[in-house]
Amino acid sequence: MSVRDTIEATLTDRFSPSFLEVEDESERHRGHAGWREGGNTHFRVRIASPKLAGLSRVAQHRAINEALKPQFDAGLHALAIEVES
């Protein structure tokens, strides 16, 4: 399973989103900190979930980062998060 697919599956399992988009932006960060050949280092997540509604922006981001801790431990370097209502 690709890193993108793993992120998508993890967020789906944890948050049951009504909308989820996971985009690999690694190539846009070529040569920057954390980038490595082959990508899978920089992602953008757009998500809408009732489980995130009512939480502060910081709490939403913490919950998503916590859910993806295994991916960060395995080499995910950066995650841009957009929570939609």
PDB file of N, CA and C in Angstrom:
ATOM      1  N   MET A   1       0.853  -1.171   0.000  1.00  0.00           N
ATOM      2  CA  MET A   1       0.000   0.000   0.000  1.00  0.00           C
ATOM      3  C   MET A   1       0.902   1.238   0.000  1.00  0.00           C
ATOM      4  N   SER A   2       0.572   2.220  -0.815  1.00  0.00           N
ATOM      5  CA  SER A   2       1.363   3.444  -0.899  1.00  0.00           C
ATOM      6  C   SER A   2       1.156   4.295   0.360  1.00  0.00           C
ATOM      7  N   VAL A   3       2.050   5.249   0.564  1.00  0.00           N
ATOM      8  CA  VAL A   3       1.918   6.162   1.702  1.00  0.00           C
ATOM      9  C   VAL A   3       0.602   6.922   1.590  1.00  0.00           C
ATOM     10  N   ARG A   4       0.285   7.387   0.389  1.00  0.00           N
ATOM     11  CA  ARG A   4      -0.969   8.099   0.177  1.00  0.00           C
ATOM     12  C   ARG A   4      -2.166   7.238   0.567  1.00  0.00           C
ATOM     13  N   ASP A   5      -2.161   5.979   0.116  1.00  0.00           N
ATOM     14  CA  ASP A   5      -3.260   5.065   0.439  1.00  0.00           C
ATOM     15  C   ASP A   5      -3.344   4.788   1.935  1.00  0.00           C
ATOM     16  N   THR A   6      -2.198   4.683   2.585  1.00  0.00           N
ATOM     17  CA  THR A   6      -2.164   4.446   4.029  1.00  0.00           C
ATOM     18  C   THR A   6      -2.731   5.642   4.783  1.00  0.00           C
ATOM     19  N   ILE A   7      -2.356   6.846   4.366  1.00  0.00           N
ATOM     20  CA  ILE A   7      -2.901   8.054   4.991  1.00  0.00           C
ATOM     21  C   ILE A   7      -4.413   8.088   4.810  1.00  0.00           C
ATOM     22  N   GLU A   8      -4.862   7.829   3.597  1.00  0.00           N
ATOM     23  CA  GLU A   8      -6.300   7.837   3.306  1.00  0.00           C
ATOM     24  C   GLU A   8      -7.046   6.802   4.148  1.00  0.00           C
ATOM     25  N   ALA A   9      -6.528   5.587   4.228  1.00  0.00           N
ATOM     26  CA  ALA A   9      -7.178   4.528   5.001  1.00  0.00           C
ATOM     27  C   ALA A   9      -7.206   4.862   6.493  1.00  0.00           C
ATOM     28  N   THR A  10      -6.111   5.387   6.995  1.00  0.00           N
ATOM     29  CA  THR A  10      -6.034   5.734   8.415  1.00  0.00           C
ATOM     30  C   THR A  10      -7.035   6.823   8.774  1.00  0.00           C
ATOM     31  N   LEU A  11      -7.085   7.869   7.962  1.00  0.00           N
ATOM     32  CA  LEU A  11      -8.017   8.966   8.246  1.00  0.00           C
ATOM     33  C   LEU A  11      -9.468   8.541   8.060  1.00  0.00           C
ATOM     34  N   THR A  12      -9.724   7.679   7.103  1.00  0.00           N
ATOM     35  CA  THR A  12     -11.076   7.151   6.903  1.00  0.00           C
ATOM     36  C   THR A  12     -11.509   6.337   8.119  1.00  0.00           C
ATOM     37  N   ASP A  13     -10.632   5.464   8.589  1.00  0.00           N
ATOM     38  CA  ASP A  13     -10.955   4.632   9.759  1.00  0.00           C
ATOM     39  C   ASP A  13     -11.179   5.475  11.010  1.00  0.00           C
ATOM     40  N   ARG A  14     -10.336   6.478  11.202  1.00  0.00           N
ATOM     41  CA  ARG A  14     -10.377   7.267  12.440  1.00  0.00           C
ATOM     42  C   ARG A  14     -11.495   8.304  12.447  1.00  0.00           C
ATOM     43  N   PHE A  15     -11.753   8.946  11.288  1.00  0.00           N
ATOM     44  CA  PHE A  15     -12.649  10.099  11.281  1.00  0.00           C
ATOM     45  C   PHE A  15     -13.926   9.930  10.458  1.00  0.00           C
ATOM     46  N   SER A  16     -14.083   8.836   9.735  1.00  0.00           N
ATOM     47  CA  SER A  16     -15.280   8.615   8.896  1.00  0.00           C
ATOM     48  C   SER A  16     -15.662   9.889   8.143  1.00  0.00           C
ATOM     49  N   PRO A  17     -14.760  10.409   7.334  1.00  0.00           N
ATOM     50  CA  PRO A  17     -15.013  11.708   6.700  1.00  0.00           C
ATOM     51  C   PRO A  17     -16.115  11.667   5.641  1.00  0.00           C
ATOM     52  N   SER A  18     -16.801  12.802   5.518  1.00  0.00           N
ATOM     53  CA  SER A  18     -17.763  12.958   4.434  1.00  0.00           C
ATOM     54  C   SER A  18     -17.042  13.409   3.163  1.00  0.00           C
ATOM     55  N   PHE A  19     -15.826  13.940   3.341  1.00  0.00           N
ATOM     56  CA  PHE A  19     -14.975  14.330   2.221  1.00  0.00           C
ATOM     57  C   PHE A  19     -13.532  14.126   2.639  1.00  0.00           C
ATOM     58  N   LEU A  20     -12.735  13.537   1.746  1.00  0.00           N
ATOM     59  CA  LEU A  20     -11.316  13.344   2.026  1.00  0.00           C
ATOM     60  C   LEU A  20     -10.542  13.361   0.718  1.00  0.00           C
ATOM     61  N   GLU A  21      -9.514  14.182   0.689  1.00  0.00           N
ATOM     62  CA  GLU A  21      -8.610  14.239  -0.462  1.00  0.00           C
ATOM     63  C   GLU A  21      -7.188  14.249   0.089  1.00  0.00           C
ATOM     64  N   VAL A  22      -6.357  13.357  -0.416  1.00  0.00           N
ATOM     65  CA  VAL A  22      -4.961  13.272   0.004  1.00  0.00           C
ATOM     66  C   VAL A  22      -4.096  13.452  -1.240  1.00  0.00           C
ATOM     67  N   GLU A  23      -3.264  14.478  -1.209  1.00  0.00           N
ATOM     68  CA  GLU A  23      -2.430  14.820  -2.371  1.00  0.00           C
ATOM     69  C   GLU A  23      -0.955  14.755  -1.988  1.00  0.00           C
ATOM     70  N   ASP A  24      -0.174  14.035  -2.789  1.00  0.00           N
ATOM     71  CA  ASP A  24       1.277  13.971  -2.593  1.00  0.00           C
ATOM     72  C   ASP A  24       1.893  15.203  -3.248  1.00  0.00           C
ATOM     73  N   GLU A  25       2.442  16.097  -2.433  1.00  0.00           N
ATOM     74  CA  GLU A  25       3.068  17.327  -2.927  1.00  0.00           C
ATOM     75  C   GLU A  25       4.587  17.248  -2.858  1.00  0.00           C
ATOM     76  N   SER A  26       5.119  16.064  -2.717  1.00  0.00           N
ATOM     77  CA  SER A  26       6.560  15.888  -2.508  1.00  0.00           C
ATOM     78  C   SER A  26       7.400  16.536  -3.601  1.00  0.00           C
ATOM     79  N   GLU A  27       6.991  16.400  -4.832  1.00  0.00           N
ATOM     80  CA  GLU A  27       7.803  16.920  -5.934  1.00  0.00           C
ATOM     81  C   GLU A  27       7.937  18.447  -5.868  1.00  0.00           C
ATOM     82  N   ARG A  28       6.935  19.105  -5.319  1.00  0.00           N
ATOM     83  CA  ARG A  28       6.997  20.562  -5.168  1.00  0.00           C
ATOM     84  C   ARG A  28       8.057  20.992  -4.155  1.00  0.00           C
ATOM     85  N   HIS A  29       8.519  20.043  -3.358  1.00  0.00           N
ATOM     86  CA  HIS A  29       9.487  20.341  -2.301  1.00  0.00           C
ATOM     87  C   HIS A  29      10.870  19.761  -2.593  1.00  0.00           C
ATOM     88  N   ARG A  30      11.096  19.424  -3.836  1.00  0.00           N
ATOM     89  CA  ARG A  30      12.392  18.865  -4.242  1.00  0.00           C
ATOM     90  C   ARG A  30      13.518  19.795  -3.769  1.00  0.00           C
ATOM     91  N   GLY A  31      14.483  19.199  -3.070  1.00  0.00           N
ATOM     92  CA  GLY A  31      15.626  19.948  -2.581  1.00  0.00           C
ATOM     93  C   GLY A  31      15.421  20.604  -1.228  1.00  0.00           C
ATOM     94  N   HIS A  32      14.205  20.593  -0.698  1.00  0.00           N
ATOM     95  CA  HIS A  32      13.934  21.191   0.605  1.00  0.00           C
ATOM     96  C   HIS A  32      14.167  20.163   1.707  1.00  0.00           C
ATOM     97  N   ALA A  33      14.162  20.634   2.918  1.00  0.00           N
ATOM     98  CA  ALA A  33      14.348  19.753   4.079  1.00  0.00           C
ATOM     99  C   ALA A  33      13.319  18.628   4.068  1.00  0.00           C
ATOM    100  N   GLY A  34      13.786  17.436   4.350  1.00  0.00           N
ATOM    101  CA  GLY A  34      12.899  16.288   4.446  1.00  0.00           C
ATOM    102  C   GLY A  34      12.583  15.608   3.133  1.00  0.00           C
ATOM    103  N   TRP A  35      12.883  16.256   2.014  1.00  0.00           N
ATOM    104  CA  TRP A  35      12.601  15.640   0.715  1.00  0.00           C
ATOM    105  C   TRP A  35      13.609  14.534   0.451  1.00  0.00           C
ATOM    106  N   ARG A  36      13.142  13.474  -0.186  1.00  0.00           N
ATOM    107  CA  ARG A  36      14.049  12.410  -0.603  1.00  0.00           C
ATOM    108  C   ARG A  36      13.580  11.846  -1.935  1.00  0.00           C
ATOM    109  N   GLU A  37      14.493  11.261  -2.649  1.00  0.00           N
ATOM    110  CA  GLU A  37      14.192  10.651  -3.945  1.00  0.00           C
ATOM    111  C   GLU A  37      13.058   9.647  -3.777  1.00  0.00           C
ATOM    112  N   GLY A  38      12.104   9.692  -4.661  1.00  0.00           N
ATOM    113  CA  GLY A  38      10.969   8.774  -4.588  1.00  0.00           C
ATOM    114  C   GLY A  38       9.735   9.398  -3.961  1.00  0.00           C
ATOM    115  N   GLY A  39       9.909  10.577  -3.359  1.00  0.00           N
ATOM    116  CA  GLY A  39       8.754  11.283  -2.810  1.00  0.00           C
ATOM    117  C   GLY A  39       8.201  10.668  -1.546  1.00  0.00           C
ATOM    118  N   ASN A  40       6.893  10.768  -1.397  1.00  0.00           N
ATOM    119  CA  ASN A  40       6.180  10.271  -0.220  1.00  0.00           C
ATOM    120  C   ASN A  40       6.624  10.952   1.063  1.00  0.00           C
ATOM    121  N   THR A  41       6.969  12.244   0.971  1.00  0.00           N
ATOM    122  CA  THR A  41       7.442  12.978   2.146  1.00  0.00           C
ATOM    123  C   THR A  41       6.556  14.160   2.519  1.00  0.00           C
ATOM    124  N   HIS A  42       5.891  14.749   1.555  1.00  0.00           N
ATOM    125  CA  HIS A  42       5.087  15.947   1.774  1.00  0.00           C
ATOM    126  C   HIS A  42       3.682  15.719   1.205  1.00  0.00           C
ATOM    127  N   PHE A  43       2.672  15.846   2.060  1.00  0.00           N
ATOM    128  CA  PHE A  43       1.298  15.609   1.636  1.00  0.00           C
ATOM    129  C   PHE A  43       0.393  16.746   2.075  1.00  0.00           C
ATOM    130  N   ARG A  44      -0.716  16.901   1.370  1.00  0.00           N
ATOM    131  CA  ARG A  44      -1.783  17.827   1.734  1.00  0.00           C
ATOM    132  C   ARG A  44      -3.048  17.001   1.925  1.00  0.00           C
ATOM    133  N   VAL A  45      -3.737  17.251   3.024  1.00  0.00           N
ATOM    134  CA  VAL A  45      -4.986  16.564   3.340  1.00  0.00           C
ATOM    135  C   VAL A  45      -6.096  17.597   3.423  1.00  0.00           C
ATOM    136  N   ARG A  46      -7.159  17.345   2.702  1.00  0.00           N
ATOM    137  CA  ARG A  46      -8.387  18.132   2.814  1.00  0.00           C
ATOM    138  C   ARG A  46      -9.445  17.165   3.343  1.00  0.00           C
ATOM    139  N   ILE A  47     -10.063  17.532   4.462  1.00  0.00           N
ATOM    140  CA  ILE A  47     -10.971  16.598   5.116  1.00  0.00           C
ATOM    141  C   ILE A  47     -12.158  17.330   5.722  1.00  0.00           C
ATOM    142  N   ALA A  48     -13.308  16.693   5.677  1.00  0.00           N
ATOM    143  CA  ALA A  48     -14.508  17.149   6.369  1.00  0.00           C
ATOM    144  C   ALA A  48     -15.041  15.947   7.135  1.00  0.00           C
ATOM    145  N   SER A  49     -15.230  16.137   8.439  1.00  0.00           N
ATOM    146  CA  SER A  49     -15.706  15.037   9.266  1.00  0.00           C
ATOM    147  C   SER A  49     -16.466  15.573  10.465  1.00  0.00           C
ATOM    148  N   PRO A  50     -17.592  14.959  10.767  1.00  0.00           N
ATOM    149  CA  PRO A  50     -18.329  15.354  11.972  1.00  0.00           C
ATOM    150  C   PRO A  50     -17.482  15.163  13.238  1.00  0.00           C
ATOM    151  N   LYS A  51     -16.547  14.239  13.199  1.00  0.00           N
ATOM    152  CA  LYS A  51     -15.699  13.978  14.373  1.00  0.00           C
ATOM    153  C   LYS A  51     -14.706  15.110  14.632  1.00  0.00           C
ATOM    154  N   LEU A  52     -14.506  15.971  13.648  1.00  0.00           N
ATOM    155  CA  LEU A  52     -13.610  17.114  13.821  1.00  0.00           C
ATOM    156  C   LEU A  52     -14.390  18.406  14.053  1.00  0.00           C
ATOM    157  N   ALA A  53     -15.676  18.372  13.793  1.00  0.00           N
ATOM    158  CA  ALA A  53     -16.519  19.561  13.963  1.00  0.00           C
ATOM    159  C   ALA A  53     -16.553  19.961  15.435  1.00  0.00           C
ATOM    160  N   GLY A  54     -16.510  21.252  15.664  1.00  0.00           N
ATOM    161  CA  GLY A  54     -16.584  21.741  17.032  1.00  0.00           C
ATOM    162  C   GLY A  54     -15.244  21.807  17.747  1.00  0.00           C
ATOM    163  N   LEU A  55     -14.215  21.196  17.165  1.00  0.00           N
ATOM    164  CA  LEU A  55     -12.872  21.271  17.742  1.00  0.00           C
ATOM    165  C   LEU A  55     -12.185  22.529  17.232  1.00  0.00           C
ATOM    166  N   SER A  56     -11.294  23.072  18.042  1.00  0.00           N
ATOM    167  CA  SER A  56     -10.497  24.197  17.566  1.00  0.00           C
ATOM    168  C   SER A  56      -9.600  23.718  16.434  1.00  0.00           C
ATOM    169  N   ARG A  57      -9.086  24.652  15.683  1.00  0.00           N
ATOM    170  CA  ARG A  57      -8.186  24.301  14.573  1.00  0.00           C
ATOM    171  C   ARG A  57      -6.971  23.529  15.102  1.00  0.00           C
ATOM    172  N   VAL A  58      -6.431  23.968  16.226  1.00  0.00           N
ATOM    173  CA  VAL A  58      -5.280  23.292  16.816  1.00  0.00           C
ATOM    174  C   VAL A  58      -5.649  21.862  17.213  1.00  0.00           C
ATOM    175  N   ALA A  59      -6.807  21.676  17.825  1.00  0.00           N
ATOM    176  CA  ALA A  59      -7.248  20.337  18.230  1.00  0.00           C
ATOM    177  C   ALA A  59      -7.483  19.441  17.014  1.00  0.00           C
ATOM    178  N   GLN A  60      -8.029  20.005  15.937  1.00  0.00           N
ATOM    179  CA  GLN A  60      -8.226  19.231  14.706  1.00  0.00           C
ATOM    180  C   GLN A  60      -6.888  18.745  14.171  1.00  0.00           C
ATOM    181  N   HIS A  61      -5.917  19.633  14.090  1.00  0.00           N
ATOM    182  CA  HIS A  61      -4.605  19.289  13.552  1.00  0.00           C
ATOM    183  C   HIS A  61      -3.898  18.284  14.453  1.00  0.00           C
ATOM    184  N   ARG A  62      -4.024  18.457  15.761  1.00  0.00           N
ATOM    185  CA  ARG A  62      -3.420  17.492  16.690  1.00  0.00           C
ATOM    186  C   ARG A  62      -4.011  16.105  16.504  1.00  0.00           C
ATOM    187  N   ALA A  63      -5.327  16.034  16.350  1.00  0.00           N
ATOM    188  CA  ALA A  63      -5.991  14.738  16.184  1.00  0.00           C
ATOM    189  C   ALA A  63      -5.523  14.050  14.900  1.00  0.00           C
ATOM    190  N   ILE A  64      -5.402  14.801  13.821  1.00  0.00           N
ATOM    191  CA  ILE A  64      -4.960  14.230  12.547  1.00  0.00           C
ATOM    192  C   ILE A  64      -3.499  13.808  12.634  1.00  0.00           C
ATOM    193  N   ASN A  65      -2.653  14.673  13.210  1.00  0.00           N
ATOM    194  CA  ASN A  65      -1.235  14.318  13.346  1.00  0.00           C
ATOM    195  C   ASN A  65      -1.047  13.101  14.236  1.00  0.00           C
ATOM    196  N   GLU A  66      -1.827  12.996  15.295  1.00  0.00           N
ATOM    197  CA  GLU A  66      -1.744  11.836  16.180  1.00  0.00           C
ATOM    198  C   GLU A  66      -2.138  10.556  15.433  1.00  0.00           C
ATOM    199  N   ALA A  67      -3.200  10.645  14.631  1.00  0.00           N
ATOM    200  CA  ALA A  67      -3.648   9.477  13.866  1.00  0.00           C
ATOM    201  C   ALA A  67      -2.569   9.015  12.888  1.00  0.00           C
ATOM    202  N   LEU A  68      -1.794   9.970  12.388  1.00  0.00           N
ATOM    203  CA  LEU A  68      -0.768   9.650  11.375  1.00  0.00           C
ATOM    204  C   LEU A  68       0.632   9.505  11.960  1.00  0.00           C
ATOM    205  N   LYS A  69       0.749   9.404  13.277  1.00  0.00           N
ATOM    206  CA  LYS A  69       2.062   9.267  13.909  1.00  0.00           C
ATOM    207  C   LYS A  69       2.895   8.127  13.324  1.00  0.00           C
ATOM    208  N   PRO A  70       2.318   6.953  13.066  1.00  0.00           N
ATOM    209  CA  PRO A  70       3.130   5.881  12.464  1.00  0.00           C
ATOM    210  C   PRO A  70       3.727   6.277  11.106  1.00  0.00           C
ATOM    211  N   GLN A  71       2.996   7.079  10.330  1.00  0.00           N
ATOM    212  CA  GLN A  71       3.521   7.514   9.047  1.00  0.00           C
ATOM    213  C   GLN A  71       4.653   8.534   9.239  1.00  0.00           C
ATOM    214  N   PHE A  72       4.511   9.426  10.215  1.00  0.00           N
ATOM    215  CA  PHE A  72       5.600  10.364  10.512  1.00  0.00           C
ATOM    216  C   PHE A  72       6.837   9.596  10.983  1.00  0.00           C
ATOM    217  N   ASP A  73       6.629   8.603  11.830  1.00  0.00           N
ATOM    218  CA  ASP A  73       7.745   7.789  12.319  1.00  0.00           C
ATOM    219  C   ASP A  73       8.441   7.042  11.185  1.00  0.00           C
ATOM    220  N   ALA A  74       7.696   6.753  10.110  1.00  0.00           N
ATOM    221  CA  ALA A  74       8.240   5.998   8.979  1.00  0.00           C
ATOM    222  C   ALA A  74       8.818   6.898   7.883  1.00  0.00           C
ATOM    223  N   GLY A  75       8.802   8.232   8.080  1.00  0.00           N
ATOM    224  CA  GLY A  75       9.442   9.096   7.099  1.00  0.00           C
ATOM    225  C   GLY A  75       8.598  10.205   6.504  1.00  0.00           C
ATOM    226  N   LEU A  76       7.301  10.251   6.820  1.00  0.00           N
ATOM    227  CA  LEU A  76       6.485  11.379   6.378  1.00  0.00           C
ATOM    228  C   LEU A  76       7.066  12.628   7.019  1.00  0.00           C
ATOM    229  N   HIS A  77       7.371  13.634   6.216  1.00  0.00           N
ATOM    230  CA  HIS A  77       8.060  14.823   6.730  1.00  0.00           C
ATOM    231  C   HIS A  77       7.114  15.985   7.002  1.00  0.00           C
ATOM    232  N   ALA A  78       6.163  16.220   6.104  1.00  0.00           N
ATOM    233  CA  ALA A  78       5.306  17.397   6.240  1.00  0.00           C
ATOM    234  C   ALA A  78       3.874  17.073   5.815  1.00  0.00           C
ATOM    235  N   LEU A  79       2.938  17.701   6.525  1.00  0.00           N
ATOM    236  CA  LEU A  79       1.525  17.476   6.235  1.00  0.00           C
ATOM    237  C   LEU A  79       0.802  18.817   6.320  1.00  0.00           C
ATOM    238  N   ALA A  80       0.259  19.266   5.205  1.00  0.00           N
ATOM    239  CA  ALA A  80      -0.598  20.452   5.186  1.00  0.00           C
ATOM    240  C   ALA A  80      -2.023  19.955   5.393  1.00  0.00           C
ATOM    241  N   ILE A  81      -2.733  20.582   6.321  1.00  0.00           N
ATOM    242  CA  ILE A  81      -4.074  20.114   6.689  1.00  0.00           C
ATOM    243  C   ILE A  81      -5.081  21.226   6.460  1.00  0.00           C
ATOM    244  N   GLU A  82      -6.146  20.886   5.738  1.00  0.00           N
ATOM    245  CA  GLU A  82      -7.275  21.797   5.538  1.00  0.00           C
ATOM    246  C   GLU A  82      -8.530  21.067   5.993  1.00  0.00           C
ATOM    247  N   VAL A  83      -9.124  21.531   7.089  1.00  0.00           N
ATOM    248  CA  VAL A  83     -10.358  20.941   7.591  1.00  0.00           C
ATOM    249  C   VAL A  83     -11.506  21.808   7.098  1.00  0.00           C
ATOM    250  N   GLU A  84     -12.421  21.167   6.406  1.00  0.00           N
ATOM    251  CA  GLU A  84     -13.567  21.888   5.846  1.00  0.00           C
ATOM    252  C   GLU A  84     -14.792  21.620   6.686  1.00  0.00           C
ATOM    253  N   SER A  85     -15.679  22.618   6.730  1.00  0.00           N
ATOM    254  CA  SER A  85     -16.903  22.431   7.513  1.00  0.00           C
ATOM    255  C   SER A  85     -17.982  21.771   6.711  1.00  0.00           C
TER     256      SER A  85
END
